[in-house]
Amino acid sequence: MLAATYSRYSSDKQSADSIADQQRICRDLAQRFGFAVAQEFSDPAMSGSNAFRPGYEAMLTAAERGEFQVLLVEALDRLSRDQEDIAHLFKALNFANVRIITHAEGPINELHIGLKGTMNAVHLKDLAQKTHRGMLGRAEAGKSAGGLCFGYRAVHTLRSDGSVTRGDRRIDPAEAAIISRIFEMFADGGSPITIAKTLNGEGITGPNGHAWRDTTIRGHATRGTGILRNELYAGRMVWNRMRFLKDPKTGKRVSRMNPSAQWVTTDVPHLRVIDDGLWQRVQSRLGGIREASGANAADQPKFWEKRRSVHLLTGKLFCGKCGGAFAAVGKDLLACGAARRQGICSNRKGIRRPVLEGLILDALRTQLMTPEDTAVFVAEFTAEWNRQQADASAMVAVKQRELDGVNRKLSGLVDAIADGLRAPGLQQKLDELEARKSILERGMVDTRQPAPRLHPNLAEIYRQKVAELQFALGAPVNGTAVLEATRALIDRVVLHEGDEGEGLVIELIGEIASMVSLALDKPNARQTEEDRGLFVSSVKVVAGTSNRRSHHSTVAI
């Protein structure tokens, strides 16, 4: 019977040898039960509360494919510490006819899932509470309970017992001078955008060596972020403003504000960078700007409740000069953020969103997937399909030769055992050959298929369907589905700075996978997801230059 092992440790401070130790325990477990270990999966330095782990996902995929029948683990908490995740895993493996056996608990059943899942979840909660309590003690003592911010350096001193102190900070004079300058410039009427451009123009780097941004300087009022709102510069440390929760859909941490009553404020005069007078001038101006903008209105939505609208080109616009993102710099006005807000790019030309969207929709319909390009695509697609099928046939032949060799070795071992031969390691060698034979036999399936049928009038069908999408975008009732279907046709849009007297030159790069799928005839019943994957790996159609695989045309505005 084939087995797989899974190993994990949660912290990058732990030794990487932990994986090797767990794998050795699992192999001993396999030998005890008489299993042949076919695969080993691992996730170093990854939390057990996170189900989005590469090794974990690969193990689930292999189980669903029937590549092993038993999963061996040191302990159940190596798989997950989350109750919901461990229950889901148990169901998924049970459906795939895969058993779980651990070194600590033995064969796993529903009772283990219920009890151990609860115990592991309680352990996580208890660990989080202890960590929070430790951080609270450090914050009340005026020490850092998190990362360092711009303007400070960590200080480590050696205690008499040989341990090192943590959480102490000191002012960095060079960075403190930049902070003072930012406060003075803003107090004198300079905007965060102007300050960022000035610092970038002088070659002064910002936090973590990045270019200065207006948001880095201005920050967020409620969160207390940004250079101008950081109370540490005024000699007060505020801790526990926010808590972090795991989004069950993505596995990523998201922040939420804590009630102000839970904030911990500690005076740290030795870390003061800005005097009270300058601090109050800056805060007064920030408050006036916020009041004038209406952000203090009672009905103003909280920052986590407000989401930016997703437009046709959201996240798909890039500057041809610096490679940065084009973003909104005014109502419906799009421009290079690095040029307008940071001053580190020379492409200062902008374009109105409705104008750009109209040009892109017209280009999708009329300039991409022309009959000439489609004919080239169909010919090259067929050639690539045939090449992949030839490679698949060659691979089957290679596996067949190896399988023949494995069968010969197995026959020899069986004959030797029948003749009474007993030698150390003979059974292990037999198990290894049986495991390899099983893997090879599963890989011997001939996956060759006829190429998917591409409609002879592919280009015209594509244009008609894009026109339908363009019309549907104007109908509010169609909503998100039509918008996402249209967005899927666009890989990226690059906006280049035109010649003197010209506007932007737009380069549209279409996603050929979605473009062809939109115009495909009804899929052949024998067509698989792997077959359709050819479209994903194909070259992109560029609205730009002419060559064998793409058609290019530029639009100057």
Protein backbone atom coordinates (compact mmCIF):
# COMPACT_ATOMS: atom_id res chain seq x y z
CA MET A 1 0.00 0.00 0.00
CA LEU A 2 1.34 3.42 -0.98
CA ALA A 3 1.78 6.09 1.67
CA ALA A 4 2.64 9.79 1.71
CA THR A 5 4.12 11.81 4.57
CA TYR A 6 3.42 15.39 5.60
CA SER A 7 5.69 17.53 7.80
CA ARG A 8 5.47 21.12 9.01
CA TYR A 9 6.92 23.50 11.56
CA SER A 10 5.38 26.86 12.26
CA SER A 11 8.14 29.41 12.93
CA ASP A 12 11.13 30.52 10.93
CA LYS A 13 12.95 30.65 14.30
CA GLN A 14 12.69 26.87 14.58
CA SER A 15 15.29 24.58 13.08
CA ALA A 16 14.81 23.35 9.54
CA ASP A 17 15.95 19.96 10.87
CA SER A 18 12.43 19.62 12.27
CA ILE A 19 11.20 18.60 8.81
CA ALA A 20 13.85 15.89 8.47
CA ASP A 21 13.08 14.62 11.98
CA GLN A 22 9.35 14.39 11.23
CA GLN A 23 10.01 12.64 7.92
CA ARG A 24 12.23 10.08 9.65
CA ILE A 25 9.48 9.39 12.21
CA CYS A 26 6.94 8.95 9.40
CA ARG A 27 9.21 6.57 7.48
CA ASP A 28 9.65 4.49 10.64
CA LEU A 29 5.86 4.48 10.97
CA ALA A 30 5.53 3.28 7.38
CA GLN A 31 8.00 0.45 7.97
CA ARG A 32 6.11 -0.62 11.11
CA PHE A 33 2.80 -0.86 9.19
CA GLY A 34 4.38 -2.27 6.02
CA PHE A 35 3.67 0.73 3.76
CA ALA A 36 5.81 1.98 0.87
CA VAL A 37 6.43 5.73 1.04
CA ALA A 38 5.72 7.12 -2.44
CA GLN A 39 5.76 10.88 -1.74
CA GLU A 40 6.80 13.33 0.97
CA PHE A 41 5.18 16.75 1.41
CA SER A 42 6.32 19.54 3.72
CA ASP A 43 5.73 23.19 4.65
CA PRO A 44 8.63 24.77 6.55
CA ALA A 45 8.00 27.89 8.68
CA MET A 46 4.24 27.98 8.06
CA SER A 47 1.50 28.33 10.66
CA GLY A 48 -0.89 25.46 11.27
CA SER A 49 -3.78 27.93 11.36
CA ASN A 50 -3.28 28.66 7.67
CA ALA A 51 -4.71 26.15 5.20
CA PHE A 52 -3.17 27.95 2.21
CA ARG A 53 0.17 26.11 2.23
CA PRO A 54 1.94 24.84 -0.93
CA GLY A 55 2.86 21.42 0.45
CA TYR A 56 -0.57 20.98 2.04
CA GLU A 57 -2.34 21.86 -1.23
CA ALA A 58 -0.05 19.53 -3.22
CA MET A 59 -0.77 16.70 -0.76
CA LEU A 60 -4.54 17.19 -1.17
CA THR A 61 -4.22 17.21 -4.95
CA ALA A 62 -2.17 14.00 -4.93
CA ALA A 63 -4.73 12.36 -2.63
CA GLU A 64 -7.59 13.30 -4.94
CA ARG A 65 -5.65 11.74 -7.84
CA GLY A 66 -5.29 8.47 -5.94
CA GLU A 67 -1.49 8.63 -5.76
CA PHE A 68 -1.43 7.23 -2.21
CA GLN A 69 -3.80 5.46 0.17
CA VAL A 70 -2.37 6.44 3.59
CA LEU A 71 -1.18 9.78 4.95
CA LEU A 72 1.47 9.54 7.68
CA VAL A 73 2.07 12.48 10.04
CA GLU A 74 3.94 12.94 13.31
CA ALA A 75 0.84 14.42 15.01
CA LEU A 76 -2.54 15.72 13.96
CA ASP A 77 -1.62 19.34 14.72
CA ARG A 78 1.04 19.17 11.97
CA LEU A 79 -1.81 19.08 9.46
CA SER A 80 -3.81 21.95 10.95
CA ARG A 81 -4.69 23.66 14.22
CA ASP A 82 -7.94 25.05 12.85
CA GLN A 83 -11.09 23.06 13.72
CA GLU A 84 -12.85 23.78 10.45
CA ASP A 85 -9.79 23.04 8.31
CA ILE A 86 -8.95 19.72 9.99
CA ALA A 87 -12.58 18.58 9.70
CA HIS A 88 -12.62 19.53 6.00
CA LEU A 89 -9.33 17.70 5.44
CA PHE A 90 -10.62 14.56 7.13
CA LYS A 91 -13.74 14.56 4.94
CA ALA A 92 -11.74 15.19 1.77
CA LEU A 93 -9.26 12.40 2.49
CA ASN A 94 -12.04 10.04 3.54
CA PHE A 95 -13.79 10.72 0.22
CA ALA A 96 -10.52 9.94 -1.60
CA ASN A 97 -10.20 6.65 0.37
CA VAL A 98 -7.09 7.90 2.17
CA ARG A 99 -6.52 7.04 5.84
CA ILE A 100 -4.60 9.24 8.29
CA ILE A 101 -2.16 7.62 10.72
CA THR A 102 -0.06 9.68 13.13
CA HIS A 103 2.86 8.76 15.34
CA ALA A 104 1.25 10.46 18.35
CA GLU A 105 -2.41 9.40 18.03
CA GLY A 106 -2.33 6.32 15.79
CA PRO A 107 -5.09 5.76 13.17
CA ILE A 108 -7.31 8.87 13.09
CA ASN A 109 -11.10 8.69 13.31
CA GLU A 110 -13.96 11.13 13.87
CA LEU A 111 -13.36 11.18 17.62
CA HIS A 112 -9.78 12.39 17.15
CA ILE A 113 -10.95 15.10 14.75
CA GLY A 114 -13.48 16.42 17.27
CA LEU A 115 -11.34 16.26 20.41
CA LYS A 116 -7.92 17.11 18.97
CA GLY A 117 -9.37 19.79 16.72
CA THR A 118 -10.87 21.49 19.75
CA MET A 119 -7.68 21.11 21.78
CA ASN A 120 -5.54 22.56 18.97
CA ALA A 121 -7.92 25.51 18.53
CA VAL A 122 -7.80 26.19 22.28
CA HIS A 123 -3.99 25.99 22.15
CA LEU A 124 -3.90 28.61 19.39
CA LYS A 125 -6.20 30.94 21.33
CA ASP A 126 -4.17 30.48 24.51
CA LEU A 127 -0.94 31.16 22.62
CA ALA A 128 -2.41 34.35 21.11
CA GLN A 129 -3.50 35.56 24.57
CA LYS A 130 -0.08 34.91 26.07
CA THR A 131 1.60 36.70 23.17
CA HIS A 132 -0.74 39.67 23.56
CA ARG A 133 -0.06 39.76 27.31
CA GLY A 134 3.69 39.81 26.69
CA MET A 135 3.36 42.60 24.15
CA LEU A 136 1.19 44.59 26.58
CA GLY A 137 3.93 44.39 29.20
CA ARG A 138 6.51 45.66 26.73
CA ALA A 139 4.24 48.49 25.58
CA GLU A 140 3.56 49.64 29.18
CA ALA A 141 7.31 49.65 29.79
CA GLY A 142 7.80 51.96 26.80
CA LYS A 143 9.45 49.29 24.68
CA SER A 144 8.63 48.35 21.11
CA ALA A 145 5.80 45.79 20.92
CA GLY A 146 6.06 45.48 17.14
CA GLY A 147 8.26 46.60 14.25
CA LEU A 148 10.39 49.73 13.99
CA CYS A 149 9.16 52.85 12.25
CA PHE A 150 11.10 55.40 10.23
CA GLY A 151 13.37 57.53 12.43
CA TYR A 152 14.51 54.88 14.91
CA ARG A 153 17.01 52.06 15.30
CA ALA A 154 16.81 48.98 17.48
CA VAL A 155 19.12 48.80 20.51
CA HIS A 156 20.30 45.43 21.82
CA THR A 157 22.34 45.12 24.99
CA LEU A 158 23.83 42.05 26.62
CA ARG A 159 22.53 41.14 30.08
CA SER A 160 24.72 39.59 32.78
CA ASP A 161 23.16 36.18 32.15
CA GLY A 162 24.15 36.31 28.48
CA SER A 163 20.67 37.05 27.11
CA VAL A 164 19.95 40.02 24.84
CA THR A 165 17.45 42.79 25.61
CA ARG A 166 14.75 43.43 23.03
CA GLY A 167 12.30 46.22 22.36
CA ASP A 168 14.62 49.18 23.07
CA ARG A 169 14.98 51.92 20.48
CA ARG A 170 17.02 55.04 19.84
CA ILE A 171 16.55 58.00 17.52
CA ASP A 172 18.35 57.87 14.17
CA PRO A 173 19.68 61.45 13.73
CA ALA A 174 19.69 61.41 9.91
CA GLU A 175 16.13 60.13 9.60
CA ALA A 176 14.96 62.39 12.46
CA ALA A 177 16.17 65.40 10.47
CA ILE A 178 14.02 64.28 7.50
CA ILE A 179 11.00 63.87 9.80
CA SER A 180 11.45 67.38 11.21
CA ARG A 181 11.70 68.79 7.71
CA ILE A 182 8.49 67.04 6.63
CA PHE A 183 6.61 68.48 9.62
CA GLU A 184 7.93 71.99 8.96
CA MET A 185 7.11 71.86 5.24
CA PHE A 186 3.55 70.73 5.95
CA ALA A 187 3.05 73.29 8.73
CA ASP A 188 4.16 76.00 6.27
CA GLY A 189 1.45 74.99 3.80
CA GLY A 190 3.10 72.30 1.69
CA SER A 191 0.91 69.38 0.56
CA PRO A 192 1.93 65.73 1.04
CA ILE A 193 2.27 65.39 -2.76
CA THR A 194 4.57 68.43 -2.97
CA ILE A 195 6.66 67.18 -0.04
CA ALA A 196 7.00 63.70 -1.59
CA LYS A 197 8.09 65.17 -4.93
CA THR A 198 10.61 67.45 -3.24
CA LEU A 199 12.23 64.65 -1.25
CA ASN A 200 12.28 62.30 -4.24
CA GLY A 201 13.75 65.04 -6.42
CA GLU A 202 16.62 65.46 -3.95
CA GLY A 203 17.27 61.72 -3.94
CA ILE A 204 16.20 61.26 -0.30
CA THR A 205 14.88 57.74 0.22
CA GLY A 206 11.85 56.96 2.34
CA PRO A 207 11.01 54.08 4.70
CA ASN A 208 12.60 50.75 3.69
CA GLY A 209 14.54 52.53 0.95
CA HIS A 210 11.45 53.20 -1.18
CA ALA A 211 10.51 56.44 -2.91
CA TRP A 212 8.32 58.84 -0.93
CA ARG A 213 4.56 58.78 -1.53
CA ASP A 214 1.95 61.27 -0.40
CA THR A 215 0.14 58.50 1.49
CA THR A 216 3.35 57.65 3.38
CA ILE A 217 3.44 61.23 4.61
CA ARG A 218 -0.28 61.82 5.15
CA GLY A 219 -1.29 58.38 6.44
CA HIS A 220 -4.74 57.47 7.72
CA ALA A 221 -6.46 59.57 10.41
CA THR A 222 -8.34 56.76 12.16
CA ARG A 223 -5.44 54.32 12.13
CA GLY A 224 -2.91 56.96 13.17
CA THR A 225 -0.52 55.96 10.40
CA GLY A 226 1.76 58.10 8.27
CA ILE A 227 4.66 60.36 9.19
CA LEU A 228 2.46 63.33 10.14
CA ARG A 229 0.16 61.34 12.45
CA ASN A 230 2.70 59.15 14.24
CA GLU A 231 2.47 60.16 17.93
CA LEU A 232 5.79 58.48 18.68
CA TYR A 233 7.49 61.51 17.10
CA ALA A 234 5.82 63.63 19.81
CA GLY A 235 7.05 61.33 22.60
CA ARG A 236 3.91 59.19 23.03
CA MET A 237 3.65 55.55 22.07
CA VAL A 238 0.18 54.25 21.21
CA TRP A 239 -0.24 50.47 21.07
CA ASN A 240 -3.20 48.16 20.40
CA ARG A 241 -5.04 50.44 17.99
CA MET A 242 -5.78 47.48 15.77
CA ARG A 243 -6.33 43.76 15.91
CA PHE A 244 -5.83 41.29 13.08
CA LEU A 245 -8.24 38.60 11.92
CA LYS A 246 -7.83 35.85 9.34
CA ASP A 247 -10.15 36.09 6.36
CA PRO A 248 -11.55 32.54 5.98
CA LYS A 249 -11.91 33.02 2.21
CA THR A 250 -8.30 33.98 1.50
CA GLY A 251 -6.37 32.95 4.61
CA LYS A 252 -4.86 36.46 4.74
CA ARG A 253 -4.81 38.71 7.79
CA VAL A 254 -7.02 41.79 7.75
CA SER A 255 -6.98 44.61 10.29
CA ARG A 256 -9.82 45.96 12.41
CA MET A 257 -9.78 48.97 14.74
CA ASN A 258 -10.03 48.34 18.48
CA PRO A 259 -12.19 50.63 20.65
CA SER A 260 -10.14 53.59 21.90
CA ALA A 261 -10.65 52.38 25.49
CA GLN A 262 -8.37 49.42 24.65
CA TRP A 263 -5.52 51.58 23.35
CA VAL A 264 -2.41 51.70 25.51
CA THR A 265 -0.63 55.09 25.56
CA THR A 266 2.78 55.43 27.17
CA ASP A 267 4.97 58.53 27.44
CA VAL A 268 8.42 57.98 25.92
CA PRO A 269 10.08 61.44 26.07
CA HIS A 270 13.49 60.01 25.13
CA LEU A 271 12.02 59.14 21.67
CA ARG A 272 10.58 62.62 20.98
CA VAL A 273 11.58 64.05 17.58
CA ILE A 274 9.06 66.92 17.20
CA ASP A 275 8.34 69.61 19.82
CA ASP A 276 4.77 70.19 21.01
CA GLY A 277 4.34 73.48 19.17
CA LEU A 278 5.15 72.05 15.73
CA TRP A 279 3.14 68.89 16.46
CA GLN A 280 0.03 70.92 17.35
CA ARG A 281 0.36 73.12 14.23
CA VAL A 282 0.51 70.07 12.01
CA GLN A 283 -2.38 68.28 13.74
CA SER A 284 -4.51 71.44 13.55
CA ARG A 285 -3.96 71.70 9.80
CA LEU A 286 -4.65 67.96 9.28
CA GLY A 287 -7.88 68.32 11.26
CA GLY A 288 -8.97 71.33 9.23
CA ILE A 289 -8.36 69.50 5.95
CA ARG A 290 -10.29 66.49 7.18
CA GLU A 291 -13.21 68.62 8.37
CA ALA A 292 -13.37 70.54 5.09
CA SER A 293 -13.43 67.26 3.13
CA GLY A 294 -16.48 66.03 5.06
CA ALA A 295 -14.61 62.95 6.34
CA ASN A 296 -15.83 63.65 9.88
CA ALA A 297 -19.51 63.40 8.89
CA ALA A 298 -21.50 61.03 11.10
CA ASP A 299 -22.76 59.02 8.14
CA GLN A 300 -19.30 58.61 6.65
CA PRO A 301 -18.69 54.85 6.11
CA LYS A 302 -15.87 53.20 8.06
CA PHE A 303 -12.73 52.55 6.06
CA TRP A 304 -13.31 48.77 5.93
CA GLU A 305 -16.88 49.25 4.74
CA LYS A 306 -15.89 51.49 1.83
CA ARG A 307 -14.62 49.72 -1.26
CA ARG A 308 -13.32 51.30 -4.42
CA SER A 309 -15.42 50.61 -7.47
CA VAL A 310 -14.00 48.10 -9.91
CA HIS A 311 -13.93 49.62 -13.38
CA LEU A 312 -13.19 47.97 -16.70
CA LEU A 313 -9.46 48.76 -16.46
CA THR A 314 -8.89 48.65 -12.69
CA GLY A 315 -5.49 47.09 -11.98
CA LYS A 316 -4.68 46.71 -15.69
CA LEU A 317 -3.21 50.15 -16.51
CA PHE A 318 0.56 50.67 -16.51
CA CYS A 319 2.94 53.45 -17.45
CA GLY A 320 5.16 52.73 -20.43
CA LYS A 321 7.90 54.95 -19.01
CA CYS A 322 8.42 53.63 -15.47
CA GLY A 323 6.24 50.50 -15.38
CA GLY A 324 4.23 51.84 -12.45
CA ALA A 325 0.45 51.82 -12.21
CA PHE A 326 -1.82 54.42 -13.77
CA ALA A 327 -4.29 55.55 -11.12
CA ALA A 328 -7.03 58.10 -10.51
CA VAL A 329 -5.53 61.53 -9.84
CA GLY A 330 -8.86 63.36 -10.02
CA LYS A 331 -12.47 62.66 -10.92
CA ASP A 332 -12.28 60.23 -13.85
CA LEU A 333 -8.74 61.41 -14.65
CA LEU A 334 -6.08 58.69 -14.94
CA ALA A 335 -2.34 59.33 -14.89
CA CYS A 336 0.94 57.78 -13.76
CA GLY A 337 0.99 57.86 -9.97
CA ALA A 338 4.80 57.92 -9.88
CA ALA A 339 4.75 61.10 -12.03
CA ARG A 340 1.86 62.96 -10.42
CA ARG A 341 2.35 62.04 -6.76
CA GLN A 342 6.00 61.13 -6.41
CA GLY A 343 7.74 63.08 -9.15
CA ILE A 344 9.96 60.14 -10.14
CA CYS A 345 8.58 59.65 -13.69
CA SER A 346 8.41 62.10 -16.60
CA ASN A 347 5.17 60.73 -18.11
CA ARG A 348 2.76 63.39 -16.80
CA LYS A 349 0.10 63.04 -19.48
CA GLY A 350 -3.35 61.90 -18.37
CA ILE A 351 -6.55 60.64 -19.91
CA ARG A 352 -10.20 60.58 -18.85
CA ARG A 353 -11.48 57.15 -17.86
CA PRO A 354 -14.60 57.15 -20.14
CA VAL A 355 -12.45 58.12 -23.15
CA LEU A 356 -9.90 55.39 -22.47
CA GLU A 357 -12.54 52.72 -21.84
CA GLY A 358 -14.28 53.60 -25.10
CA LEU A 359 -11.03 53.32 -27.07
CA ILE A 360 -10.18 49.98 -25.43
CA LEU A 361 -13.62 48.49 -26.13
CA ASP A 362 -13.43 49.56 -29.76
CA ALA A 363 -9.91 48.12 -30.05
CA LEU A 364 -11.06 44.81 -28.52
CA ARG A 365 -13.83 44.57 -31.09
CA THR A 366 -12.08 45.82 -34.23
CA GLN A 367 -8.30 45.53 -33.87
CA LEU A 368 -7.71 42.29 -32.00
CA MET A 369 -8.52 38.86 -33.44
CA THR A 370 -8.60 40.01 -37.05
CA PRO A 371 -9.17 37.28 -39.69
CA GLU A 372 -5.49 37.36 -40.63
CA ASP A 373 -4.32 36.99 -37.04
CA THR A 374 -6.87 34.24 -36.38
CA ALA A 375 -5.65 32.20 -39.34
CA VAL A 376 -2.07 32.41 -38.02
CA PHE A 377 -3.24 31.51 -34.52
CA VAL A 378 -5.21 28.45 -35.68
CA ALA A 379 -2.23 27.18 -37.72
CA GLU A 380 0.25 27.65 -34.88
CA PHE A 381 -2.17 26.29 -32.29
CA THR A 382 -2.58 23.10 -34.33
CA ALA A 383 1.21 22.77 -34.74
CA GLU A 384 1.75 23.25 -31.00
CA TRP A 385 -1.01 20.76 -30.22
CA ASN A 386 0.60 18.16 -32.47
CA ARG A 387 4.01 18.78 -30.87
CA GLN A 388 2.61 18.26 -27.37
CA GLN A 389 0.86 15.07 -28.43
CA ALA A 390 4.12 13.77 -29.94
CA ASP A 391 5.92 14.56 -26.67
CA ALA A 392 3.18 12.72 -24.77
CA SER A 393 3.62 9.65 -26.99
CA ALA A 394 7.38 9.72 -26.46
CA MET A 395 6.93 9.97 -22.70
CA VAL A 396 4.58 6.98 -22.71
CA ALA A 397 7.25 4.98 -24.58
CA VAL A 398 9.92 5.97 -22.02
CA LYS A 399 7.67 4.94 -19.12
CA GLN A 400 6.85 1.65 -20.85
CA ARG A 401 10.57 0.80 -21.12
CA GLU A 402 11.11 1.63 -17.43
CA LEU A 403 8.02 -0.40 -16.49
CA ASP A 404 9.36 -3.40 -18.41
CA GLY A 405 12.62 -3.10 -16.45
CA VAL A 406 10.79 -2.87 -13.11
CA ASN A 407 8.71 -5.97 -13.99
CA ARG A 408 11.87 -7.91 -14.82
CA LYS A 409 13.45 -6.97 -11.49
CA LEU A 410 10.27 -7.89 -9.62
CA SER A 411 10.16 -11.28 -11.35
CA GLY A 412 13.79 -11.90 -10.38
CA LEU A 413 13.15 -11.03 -6.74
CA VAL A 414 10.02 -13.21 -6.60
CA ASP A 415 11.95 -16.15 -8.09
CA ALA A 416 14.76 -15.60 -5.59
CA ILE A 417 12.32 -15.57 -2.66
CA ALA A 418 10.62 -18.70 -4.02
CA ASP A 419 14.05 -20.42 -4.11
CA GLY A 420 14.48 -19.64 -0.41
CA LEU A 421 16.74 -16.56 -0.62
CA ARG A 422 16.50 -14.39 2.52
CA ALA A 423 18.63 -11.26 2.65
CA PRO A 424 18.47 -7.99 4.65
CA GLY A 425 16.56 -5.28 2.82
CA LEU A 426 14.98 -7.69 0.34
CA GLN A 427 11.42 -6.89 1.43
CA GLN A 428 12.12 -3.13 1.36
CA LYS A 429 13.49 -3.42 -2.20
CA LEU A 430 10.40 -5.38 -3.21
CA ASP A 431 8.11 -2.70 -1.72
CA GLU A 432 10.01 0.08 -3.52
CA LEU A 433 9.71 -1.68 -6.86
CA GLU A 434 5.98 -2.31 -6.32
CA ALA A 435 5.47 1.37 -5.48
CA ARG A 436 7.37 2.46 -8.60
CA LYS A 437 5.40 0.00 -10.74
CA SER A 438 2.10 1.44 -9.44
CA ILE A 439 3.20 5.00 -10.25
CA LEU A 440 4.36 4.04 -13.75
CA GLU A 441 1.15 2.16 -14.54
CA ARG A 442 -0.94 5.19 -13.58
CA GLY A 443 1.20 7.33 -15.87
CA MET A 444 0.83 4.94 -18.80
CA VAL A 445 -2.61 6.23 -19.78
CA ASP A 446 -2.45 7.56 -23.34
CA THR A 447 -3.65 11.14 -23.02
CA ARG A 448 -3.56 11.93 -26.73
CA GLN A 449 -6.75 13.59 -27.96
CA PRO A 450 -7.91 15.20 -31.18
CA ALA A 451 -7.37 18.96 -31.14
CA PRO A 452 -10.39 21.03 -30.00
CA ARG A 453 -12.52 22.25 -32.88
CA LEU A 454 -11.92 25.93 -33.66
CA HIS A 455 -14.78 27.55 -35.51
CA PRO A 456 -13.79 28.48 -39.10
CA ASN A 457 -15.26 31.95 -38.58
CA LEU A 458 -13.59 32.46 -35.18
CA ALA A 459 -12.72 36.14 -35.71
CA GLU A 460 -16.27 37.19 -36.65
CA ILE A 461 -17.83 35.29 -33.74
CA TYR A 462 -15.35 36.98 -31.38
CA ARG A 463 -16.23 40.46 -32.69
CA GLN A 464 -19.96 39.80 -32.34
CA LYS A 465 -19.58 38.61 -28.75
CA VAL A 466 -17.41 41.57 -27.79
CA ALA A 467 -20.05 43.88 -29.28
CA GLU A 468 -22.69 42.11 -27.14
CA LEU A 469 -20.53 42.59 -24.04
CA GLN A 470 -19.99 46.25 -24.93
CA PHE A 471 -23.74 46.75 -25.18
CA ALA A 472 -24.40 44.81 -21.97
CA LEU A 473 -21.90 46.94 -20.03
CA GLY A 474 -24.26 49.87 -20.43
CA ALA A 475 -27.13 48.02 -18.73
CA PRO A 476 -26.91 48.27 -14.92
CA VAL A 477 -28.88 45.06 -14.43
CA ASN A 478 -26.05 42.97 -15.89
CA GLY A 479 -23.67 44.07 -13.13
CA THR A 480 -20.47 42.34 -12.16
CA ALA A 481 -20.66 39.25 -14.36
CA VAL A 482 -20.51 41.19 -17.65
CA LEU A 483 -17.81 43.51 -16.32
CA GLU A 484 -15.59 40.60 -15.30
CA ALA A 485 -16.22 38.80 -18.60
CA THR A 486 -15.00 41.88 -20.46
CA ARG A 487 -12.06 42.45 -18.10
CA ALA A 488 -10.96 38.86 -18.73
CA LEU A 489 -10.22 39.76 -22.37
CA ILE A 490 -7.63 42.34 -21.28
CA ASP A 491 -4.26 41.32 -19.90
CA ARG A 492 -2.84 44.82 -19.53
CA VAL A 493 -2.93 48.30 -21.09
CA VAL A 494 0.35 50.21 -21.33
CA LEU A 495 0.16 53.97 -21.80
CA HIS A 496 3.26 55.46 -23.47
CA GLU A 497 4.23 59.09 -23.58
CA GLY A 498 3.68 60.35 -27.13
CA ASP A 499 5.91 62.67 -29.16
CA GLU A 500 5.89 66.42 -28.67
CA GLY A 501 2.36 67.73 -29.20
CA GLU A 502 0.85 64.26 -29.01
CA GLY A 503 -1.09 62.69 -26.18
CA LEU A 504 -0.69 59.17 -24.85
CA VAL A 505 -0.06 56.19 -27.11
CA ILE A 506 -2.09 53.22 -25.93
CA GLU A 507 -0.84 49.64 -26.19
CA LEU A 508 -3.54 47.04 -25.57
CA ILE A 509 -2.40 43.52 -24.73
CA GLY A 510 -5.27 41.04 -24.99
CA GLU A 511 -5.46 37.77 -23.05
CA ILE A 512 -5.60 35.21 -25.82
CA ALA A 513 -6.92 32.48 -23.51
CA SER A 514 -10.08 34.44 -22.79
CA MET A 515 -10.35 35.83 -26.31
CA VAL A 516 -10.34 32.39 -27.93
CA SER A 517 -12.58 30.89 -25.24
CA LEU A 518 -15.15 33.58 -25.92
CA ALA A 519 -15.32 32.59 -29.58
CA LEU A 520 -14.85 28.82 -29.23
CA ASP A 521 -17.40 26.48 -30.68
CA LYS A 522 -19.12 24.13 -28.17
CA PRO A 523 -16.33 22.10 -26.57
CA ASN A 524 -15.73 18.61 -27.83
CA ALA A 525 -16.92 16.02 -25.30
CA ARG A 526 -13.39 14.58 -25.19
CA GLN A 527 -11.80 17.95 -24.46
CA THR A 528 -10.28 18.21 -20.97
CA GLU A 529 -9.15 21.08 -18.80
CA GLU A 530 -5.55 20.13 -19.64
CA ASP A 531 -6.39 20.57 -23.34
CA ARG A 532 -7.82 24.03 -22.74
CA GLY A 533 -4.67 24.88 -20.80
CA LEU A 534 -2.92 25.28 -24.16
CA PHE A 535 -4.75 28.56 -24.57
CA VAL A 536 -3.45 29.81 -21.26
CA SER A 537 0.16 29.14 -22.21
CA SER A 538 -0.17 30.59 -25.71
CA VAL A 539 1.39 33.92 -26.70
CA LYS A 540 -0.59 37.07 -26.09
CA VAL A 541 -2.18 39.14 -28.82
CA VAL A 542 -0.74 42.63 -28.69
CA ALA A 543 -2.40 45.71 -30.13
CA GLY A 544 0.97 47.07 -31.20
CA THR A 545 3.45 45.59 -33.85
CA SER A 546 3.02 43.08 -36.59
CA ASN A 547 4.78 39.73 -36.39
CA ARG A 548 3.91 36.11 -36.93
CA ARG A 549 1.84 35.70 -33.78
CA SER A 550 0.38 39.10 -33.05
CA HIS A 551 -1.18 42.13 -34.62
CA HIS A 552 -0.27 45.56 -33.28
CA SER A 553 -1.89 48.94 -33.74
CA THR A 554 -1.49 52.05 -31.65
CA VAL A 555 -4.00 54.76 -30.92
CA ALA A 556 -2.71 58.30 -30.37
CA ILE A 557 -5.03 60.65 -28.47
